Amino acid sequence: MRSTTIREKLYDYIRFADDKKVKAIYTMVEEEITAKGNPWDDPAFISELDRRLAEYESGKINTSTWEEVKAKARILKT
């Protein structure tokens, strides 16, 4: 089964599950949820985004349009 299908099934299940089951599921994954944290609260993450944005805006890095990326992918695929 694909991950997207599993996510949809879990989402639907959790939406209608009774409170006891929802709490049990949360207990199983609570540690992982809190360990991941929010990247927007990480100063190093924000700093890296700011650095990359500055490089992009200054023209220091080469970028490709979406059409160019797709064309390169087609070439590599053959």
PDB file of N, CA and C in Angstrom:
ATOM      1  N   MET A   1       0.846  -1.172   0.000  1.00  0.00           N
ATOM      2  CA  MET A   1       0.000   0.000   0.000  1.00  0.00           C
ATOM      3  C   MET A   1       0.893   1.237   0.000  1.00  0.00           C
ATOM      4  N   ARG A   2       0.534   2.220  -0.777  1.00  0.00           N
ATOM      5  CA  ARG A   2       1.332   3.447  -0.873  1.00  0.00           C
ATOM      6  C   ARG A   2       1.181   4.304   0.383  1.00  0.00           C
ATOM      7  N   SER A   3       2.214   5.069   0.662  1.00  0.00           N
ATOM      8  CA  SER A   3       2.193   5.926   1.854  1.00  0.00           C
ATOM      9  C   SER A   3       1.039   6.913   1.822  1.00  0.00           C
ATOM     10  N   THR A   4       0.736   7.450   0.648  1.00  0.00           N
ATOM     11  CA  THR A   4      -0.365   8.417   0.567  1.00  0.00           C
ATOM     12  C   THR A   4      -1.697   7.762   0.937  1.00  0.00           C
ATOM     13  N   THR A   5      -1.891   6.536   0.522  1.00  0.00           N
ATOM     14  CA  THR A   5      -3.112   5.815   0.859  1.00  0.00           C
ATOM     15  C   THR A   5      -3.178   5.552   2.356  1.00  0.00           C
ATOM     16  N   ILE A   6      -2.058   5.154   2.927  1.00  0.00           N
ATOM     17  CA  ILE A   6      -2.001   4.901   4.373  1.00  0.00           C
ATOM     18  C   ILE A   6      -2.307   6.177   5.142  1.00  0.00           C
ATOM     19  N   ARG A   7      -1.720   7.289   4.723  1.00  0.00           N
ATOM     20  CA  ARG A   7      -1.981   8.566   5.398  1.00  0.00           C
ATOM     21  C   ARG A   7      -3.463   8.918   5.357  1.00  0.00           C
ATOM     22  N   GLU A   8      -4.067   8.749   4.192  1.00  0.00           N
ATOM     23  CA  GLU A   8      -5.491   9.053   4.057  1.00  0.00           C
ATOM     24  C   GLU A   8      -6.329   8.166   4.980  1.00  0.00           C
ATOM     25  N   LYS A   9      -6.004   6.885   5.024  1.00  0.00           N
ATOM     26  CA  LYS A   9      -6.754   5.959   5.880  1.00  0.00           C
ATOM     27  C   LYS A   9      -6.572   6.318   7.362  1.00  0.00           C
ATOM     28  N   LEU A  10      -5.345   6.643   7.750  1.00  0.00           N
ATOM     29  CA  LEU A  10      -5.104   7.031   9.138  1.00  0.00           C
ATOM     30  C   LEU A  10      -5.823   8.331   9.485  1.00  0.00           C
ATOM     31  N   TYR A  11      -5.756   9.285   8.569  1.00  0.00           N
ATOM     32  CA  TYR A  11      -6.433  10.557   8.808  1.00  0.00           C
ATOM     33  C   TYR A  11      -7.928  10.332   9.019  1.00  0.00           C
ATOM     34  N   ASP A  12      -8.535   9.566   8.126  1.00  0.00           N
ATOM     35  CA  ASP A  12      -9.967   9.278   8.252  1.00  0.00           C
ATOM     36  C   ASP A  12     -10.270   8.537   9.554  1.00  0.00           C
ATOM     37  N   TYR A  13      -9.424   7.583   9.900  1.00  0.00           N
ATOM     38  CA  TYR A  13      -9.639   6.812  11.129  1.00  0.00           C
ATOM     39  C   TYR A  13      -9.584   7.722  12.355  1.00  0.00           C
ATOM     40  N   ILE A  14      -8.541   8.542  12.425  1.00  0.00           N
ATOM     41  CA  ILE A  14      -8.345   9.402  13.593  1.00  0.00           C
ATOM     42  C   ILE A  14      -9.467  10.433  13.711  1.00  0.00           C
ATOM     43  N   ARG A  15      -9.947  10.927  12.587  1.00  0.00           N
ATOM     44  CA  ARG A  15     -11.032  11.922  12.627  1.00  0.00           C
ATOM     45  C   ARG A  15     -12.264  11.397  13.343  1.00  0.00           C
ATOM     46  N   PHE A  16     -12.535  10.096  13.217  1.00  0.00           N
ATOM     47  CA  PHE A  16     -13.772   9.558  13.774  1.00  0.00           C
ATOM     48  C   PHE A  16     -13.564   8.593  14.950  1.00  0.00           C
ATOM     49  N   ALA A  17     -12.321   8.357  15.322  1.00  0.00           N
ATOM     50  CA  ALA A  17     -12.042   7.429  16.427  1.00  0.00           C
ATOM     51  C   ALA A  17     -12.474   8.041  17.756  1.00  0.00           C
ATOM     52  N   ASP A  18     -12.773   7.174  18.712  1.00  0.00           N
ATOM     53  CA  ASP A  18     -13.150   7.682  20.033  1.00  0.00           C
ATOM     54  C   ASP A  18     -11.911   8.233  20.739  1.00  0.00           C
ATOM     55  N   ASP A  19     -12.135   9.037  21.744  1.00  0.00           N
ATOM     56  CA  ASP A  19     -11.047   9.739  22.436  1.00  0.00           C
ATOM     57  C   ASP A  19      -9.990   8.787  22.979  1.00  0.00           C
ATOM     58  N   LYS A  20     -10.416   7.665  23.503  1.00  0.00           N
ATOM     59  CA  LYS A  20      -9.470   6.707  24.085  1.00  0.00           C
ATOM     60  C   LYS A  20      -8.474   6.212  23.030  1.00  0.00           C
ATOM     61  N   LYS A  21      -8.950   5.916  21.837  1.00  0.00           N
ATOM     62  CA  LYS A  21      -8.074   5.437  20.768  1.00  0.00           C
ATOM     63  C   LYS A  21      -7.152   6.551  20.264  1.00  0.00           C
ATOM     64  N   VAL A  22      -7.691   7.754  20.149  1.00  0.00           N
ATOM     65  CA  VAL A  22      -6.862   8.887  19.707  1.00  0.00           C
ATOM     66  C   VAL A  22      -5.725   9.123  20.699  1.00  0.00           C
ATOM     67  N   LYS A  23      -6.034   9.080  21.994  1.00  0.00           N
ATOM     68  CA  LYS A  23      -4.998   9.268  23.020  1.00  0.00           C
ATOM     69  C   LYS A  23      -3.965   8.150  22.973  1.00  0.00           C
ATOM     70  N   ALA A  24      -4.403   6.932  22.719  1.00  0.00           N
ATOM     71  CA  ALA A  24      -3.471   5.804  22.633  1.00  0.00           C
ATOM     72  C   ALA A  24      -2.533   5.966  21.440  1.00  0.00           C
ATOM     73  N   ILE A  25      -3.071   6.367  20.315  1.00  0.00           N
ATOM     74  CA  ILE A  25      -2.230   6.582  19.126  1.00  0.00           C
ATOM     75  C   ILE A  25      -1.234   7.697  19.385  1.00  0.00           C
ATOM     76  N   TYR A  26      -1.713   8.782  19.984  1.00  0.00           N
ATOM     77  CA  TYR A  26      -0.829   9.916  20.273  1.00  0.00           C
ATOM     78  C   TYR A  26       0.295   9.502  21.224  1.00  0.00           C
ATOM     79  N   THR A  27      -0.028   8.711  22.226  1.00  0.00           N
ATOM     80  CA  THR A  27       0.979   8.244  23.175  1.00  0.00           C
ATOM     81  C   THR A  27       2.085   7.476  22.454  1.00  0.00           C
ATOM     82  N   MET A  28       1.706   6.714  21.439  1.00  0.00           N
ATOM     83  CA  MET A  28       2.693   5.925  20.688  1.00  0.00           C
ATOM     84  C   MET A  28       3.677   6.801  19.911  1.00  0.00           C
ATOM     85  N   VAL A  29       3.233   7.956  19.452  1.00  0.00           N
ATOM     86  CA  VAL A  29       4.089   8.794  18.592  1.00  0.00           C
ATOM     87  C   VAL A  29       4.471  10.131  19.230  1.00  0.00           C
ATOM     88  N   GLU A  30       4.023  10.368  20.451  1.00  0.00           N
ATOM     89  CA  GLU A  30       4.249  11.657  21.106  1.00  0.00           C
ATOM     90  C   GLU A  30       5.718  12.043  21.162  1.00  0.00           C
ATOM     91  N   GLU A  31       6.573  11.116  21.551  1.00  0.00           N
ATOM     92  CA  GLU A  31       7.998  11.415  21.681  1.00  0.00           C
ATOM     93  C   GLU A  31       8.591  11.846  20.339  1.00  0.00           C
ATOM     94  N   GLU A  32       8.214  11.165  19.289  1.00  0.00           N
ATOM     95  CA  GLU A  32       8.723  11.524  17.962  1.00  0.00           C
ATOM     96  C   GLU A  32       8.208  12.886  17.512  1.00  0.00           C
ATOM     97  N   ILE A  33       6.961  13.173  17.821  1.00  0.00           N
ATOM     98  CA  ILE A  33       6.385  14.461  17.437  1.00  0.00           C
ATOM     99  C   ILE A  33       7.127  15.596  18.124  1.00  0.00           C
ATOM    100  N   THR A  34       7.356  15.475  19.403  1.00  0.00           N
ATOM    101  CA  THR A  34       8.029  16.546  20.143  1.00  0.00           C
ATOM    102  C   THR A  34       9.510  16.618  19.821  1.00  0.00           C
ATOM    103  N   ALA A  35      10.127  15.491  19.463  1.00  0.00           N
ATOM    104  CA  ALA A  35      11.560  15.482  19.155  1.00  0.00           C
ATOM    105  C   ALA A  35      11.861  16.204  17.854  1.00  0.00           C
ATOM    106  N   LYS A  36      10.959  16.114  16.897  1.00  0.00           N
ATOM    107  CA  LYS A  36      11.200  16.749  15.600  1.00  0.00           C
ATOM    108  C   LYS A  36      11.212  18.259  15.719  1.00  0.00           C
ATOM    109  N   GLY A  37      10.352  18.800  16.512  1.00  0.00           N
ATOM    110  CA  GLY A  37      10.318  20.238  16.690  1.00  0.00           C
ATOM    111  C   GLY A  37       9.856  20.960  15.443  1.00  0.00           C
ATOM    112  N   ASN A  38       9.879  22.250  15.527  1.00  0.00           N
ATOM    113  CA  ASN A  38       9.461  23.108  14.431  1.00  0.00           C
ATOM    114  C   ASN A  38      10.693  23.751  13.814  1.00  0.00           C
ATOM    115  N   PRO A  39      10.973  23.502  12.541  1.00  0.00           N
ATOM    116  CA  PRO A  39      12.186  24.079  11.943  1.00  0.00           C
ATOM    117  C   PRO A  39      12.171  25.605  11.952  1.00  0.00           C
ATOM    118  N   TRP A  40      10.997  26.208  11.998  1.00  0.00           N
ATOM    119  CA  TRP A  40      10.926  27.667  12.008  1.00  0.00           C
ATOM    120  C   TRP A  40      11.387  28.249  13.340  1.00  0.00           C
ATOM    121  N   ASP A  41      11.550  27.415  14.351  1.00  0.00           N
ATOM    122  CA  ASP A  41      12.073  27.859  15.639  1.00  0.00           C
ATOM    123  C   ASP A  41      13.579  27.653  15.740  1.00  0.00           C
ATOM    124  N   ASP A  42      14.197  27.094  14.701  1.00  0.00           N
ATOM    125  CA  ASP A  42      15.625  26.775  14.707  1.00  0.00           C
ATOM    126  C   ASP A  42      16.411  27.906  14.045  1.00  0.00           C
ATOM    127  N   PRO A  43      17.202  28.656  14.818  1.00  0.00           N
ATOM    128  CA  PRO A  43      17.953  29.782  14.250  1.00  0.00           C
ATOM    129  C   PRO A  43      18.909  29.350  13.126  1.00  0.00           C
ATOM    130  N   ALA A  44      19.490  28.170  13.218  1.00  0.00           N
ATOM    131  CA  ALA A  44      20.402  27.698  12.167  1.00  0.00           C
ATOM    132  C   ALA A  44      19.647  27.468  10.866  1.00  0.00           C
ATOM    133  N   PHE A  45      18.445  26.928  10.957  1.00  0.00           N
ATOM    134  CA  PHE A  45      17.615  26.700   9.780  1.00  0.00           C
ATOM    135  C   PHE A  45      17.264  28.031   9.111  1.00  0.00           C
ATOM    136  N   ILE A  46      16.825  28.991   9.906  1.00  0.00           N
ATOM    137  CA  ILE A  46      16.468  30.310   9.379  1.00  0.00           C
ATOM    138  C   ILE A  46      17.676  30.995   8.765  1.00  0.00           C
ATOM    139  N   SER A  47      18.821  30.879   9.410  1.00  0.00           N
ATOM    140  CA  SER A  47      20.050  31.470   8.892  1.00  0.00           C
ATOM    141  C   SER A  47      20.425  30.879   7.527  1.00  0.00           C
ATOM    142  N   GLU A  48      20.290  29.564   7.400  1.00  0.00           N
ATOM    143  CA  GLU A  48      20.590  28.901   6.134  1.00  0.00           C
ATOM    144  C   GLU A  48      19.632  29.349   5.039  1.00  0.00           C
ATOM    145  N   LEU A  49      18.362  29.472   5.367  1.00  0.00           N
ATOM    146  CA  LEU A  49      17.394  29.976   4.382  1.00  0.00           C
ATOM    147  C   LEU A  49      17.729  31.402   3.953  1.00  0.00           C
ATOM    148  N   ASP A  50      18.081  32.236   4.924  1.00  0.00           N
ATOM    149  CA  ASP A  50      18.452  33.619   4.615  1.00  0.00           C
ATOM    150  C   ASP A  50      19.680  33.672   3.709  1.00  0.00           C
ATOM    151  N   ARG A  51      20.671  32.815   3.990  1.00  0.00           N
ATOM    152  CA  ARG A  51      21.879  32.770   3.169  1.00  0.00           C
ATOM    153  C   ARG A  51      21.556  32.374   1.735  1.00  0.00           C
ATOM    154  N   ARG A  52      20.749  31.336   1.590  1.00  0.00           N
ATOM    155  CA  ARG A  52      20.381  30.867   0.247  1.00  0.00           C
ATOM    156  C   ARG A  52      19.560  31.910  -0.501  1.00  0.00           C
ATOM    157  N   LEU A  53      18.656  32.573   0.197  1.00  0.00           N
ATOM    158  CA  LEU A  53      17.853  33.615  -0.437  1.00  0.00           C
ATOM    159  C   LEU A  53      18.741  34.770  -0.907  1.00  0.00           C
ATOM    160  N   ALA A  54      19.695  35.168  -0.076  1.00  0.00           N
ATOM    161  CA  ALA A  54      20.605  36.257  -0.453  1.00  0.00           C
ATOM    162  C   ALA A  54      21.424  35.883  -1.690  1.00  0.00           C
ATOM    163  N   GLU A  55      21.901  34.638  -1.754  1.00  0.00           N
ATOM    164  CA  GLU A  55      22.641  34.181  -2.932  1.00  0.00           C
ATOM    165  C   GLU A  55      21.760  34.207  -4.175  1.00  0.00           C
ATOM    166  N   TYR A  56      20.531  33.769  -4.025  1.00  0.00           N
ATOM    167  CA  TYR A  56      19.598  33.764  -5.151  1.00  0.00           C
ATOM    168  C   TYR A  56      19.321  35.189  -5.627  1.00  0.00           C
ATOM    169  N   GLU A  57      19.009  36.080  -4.686  1.00  0.00           N
ATOM    170  CA  GLU A  57      18.660  37.453  -5.044  1.00  0.00           C
ATOM    171  C   GLU A  57      19.834  38.228  -5.625  1.00  0.00           C
ATOM    172  N   SER A  58      21.053  37.891  -5.209  1.00  0.00           N
ATOM    173  CA  SER A  58      22.235  38.597  -5.727  1.00  0.00           C
ATOM    174  C   SER A  58      22.689  38.049  -7.070  1.00  0.00           C
ATOM    175  N   GLY A  59      22.130  36.901  -7.469  1.00  0.00           N
ATOM    176  CA  GLY A  59      22.528  36.303  -8.740  1.00  0.00           C
ATOM    177  C   GLY A  59      23.807  35.490  -8.650  1.00  0.00           C
ATOM    178  N   LYS A  60      24.280  35.201  -7.437  1.00  0.00           N
ATOM    179  CA  LYS A  60      25.518  34.435  -7.256  1.00  0.00           C
ATOM    180  C   LYS A  60      25.362  32.972  -7.643  1.00  0.00           C
ATOM    181  N   ILE A  61      24.143  32.485  -7.645  1.00  0.00           N
ATOM    182  CA  ILE A  61      23.925  31.081  -7.988  1.00  0.00           C
ATOM    183  C   ILE A  61      23.125  30.987  -9.278  1.00  0.00           C
ATOM    184  N   ASN A  62      23.378  29.928 -10.011  1.00  0.00           N
ATOM    185  CA  ASN A  62      22.626  29.683 -11.229  1.00  0.00           C
ATOM    186  C   ASN A  62      21.365  28.916 -10.883  1.00  0.00           C
ATOM    187  N   THR A  63      20.265  29.349 -11.433  1.00  0.00           N
ATOM    188  CA  THR A  63      19.009  28.662 -11.215  1.00  0.00           C
ATOM    189  C   THR A  63      18.414  28.259 -12.558  1.00  0.00           C
ATOM    190  N   SER A  64      17.443  27.381 -12.505  1.00  0.00           N
ATOM    191  CA  SER A  64      16.762  26.933 -13.716  1.00  0.00           C
ATOM    192  C   SER A  64      15.268  27.139 -13.546  1.00  0.00           C
ATOM    193  N   THR A  65      14.604  27.408 -14.652  1.00  0.00           N
ATOM    194  CA  THR A  65      13.145  27.489 -14.617  1.00  0.00           C
ATOM    195  C   THR A  65      12.605  26.079 -14.509  1.00  0.00           C
ATOM    196  N   TRP A  66      11.326  25.953 -14.181  1.00  0.00           N
ATOM    197  CA  TRP A  66      10.700  24.642 -14.080  1.00  0.00           C
ATOM    198  C   TRP A  66      10.743  23.933 -15.435  1.00  0.00           C
ATOM    199  N   GLU A  67      10.565  24.687 -16.502  1.00  0.00           N
ATOM    200  CA  GLU A  67      10.620  24.096 -17.841  1.00  0.00           C
ATOM    201  C   GLU A  67      12.016  23.548 -18.140  1.00  0.00           C
ATOM    202  N   GLU A  68      13.059  24.258 -17.737  1.00  0.00           N
ATOM    203  CA  GLU A  68      14.428  23.788 -17.945  1.00  0.00           C
ATOM    204  C   GLU A  68      14.702  22.512 -17.146  1.00  0.00           C
ATOM    205  N   VAL A  69      14.205  22.461 -15.925  1.00  0.00           N
ATOM    206  CA  VAL A  69      14.388  21.282 -15.077  1.00  0.00           C
ATOM    207  C   VAL A  69      13.719  20.070 -15.722  1.00  0.00           C
ATOM    208  N   LYS A  70      12.483  20.248 -16.198  1.00  0.00           N
ATOM    209  CA  LYS A  70      11.768  19.145 -16.845  1.00  0.00           C
ATOM    210  C   LYS A  70      12.499  18.682 -18.106  1.00  0.00           C
ATOM    211  N   ALA A  71      13.016  19.621 -18.871  1.00  0.00           N
ATOM    212  CA  ALA A  71      13.726  19.262 -20.095  1.00  0.00           C
ATOM    213  C   ALA A  71      14.995  18.475 -19.766  1.00  0.00           C
ATOM    214  N   LYS A  72      15.720  18.887 -18.739  1.00  0.00           N
ATOM    215  CA  LYS A  72      16.928  18.145 -18.332  1.00  0.00           C
ATOM    216  C   LYS A  72      16.577  16.755 -17.840  1.00  0.00           C
ATOM    217  N   ALA A  73      15.475  16.634 -17.125  1.00  0.00           N
ATOM    218  CA  ALA A  73      15.043  15.338 -16.630  1.00  0.00           C
ATOM    219  C   ALA A  73      14.698  14.397 -17.776  1.00  0.00           C
ATOM    220  N   ARG A  74      14.076  14.938 -18.804  1.00  0.00           N
ATOM    221  CA  ARG A  74      13.724  14.115 -19.965  1.00  0.00           C
ATOM    222  C   ARG A  74      14.981  13.611 -20.656  1.00  0.00           C
ATOM    223  N   ILE A  75      15.997  14.447 -20.736  1.00  0.00           N
ATOM    224  CA  ILE A  75      17.264  14.061 -21.372  1.00  0.00           C
ATOM    225  C   ILE A  75      17.928  12.948 -20.577  1.00  0.00           C
ATOM    226  N   LEU A  76      17.938  13.099 -19.245  1.00  0.00           N
ATOM    227  CA  LEU A  76      18.568  12.093 -18.385  1.00  0.00           C
ATOM    228  C   LEU A  76      17.798  10.786 -18.389  1.00  0.00           C
ATOM    229  N   LYS A  77      16.508  10.861 -18.605  1.00  0.00           N
ATOM    230  CA  LYS A  77      15.663   9.669 -18.589  1.00  0.00           C
ATOM    231  C   LYS A  77      15.937   8.764 -19.797  1.00  0.00           C
ATOM    232  N   THR A  78      16.340   9.353 -20.907  1.00  0.00           N
ATOM    233  CA  THR A  78      16.569   8.555 -22.120  1.00  0.00           C
ATOM    234  C   THR A  78      17.922   7.916 -22.159  1.00  0.00           C
TER     235      THR A  78
END
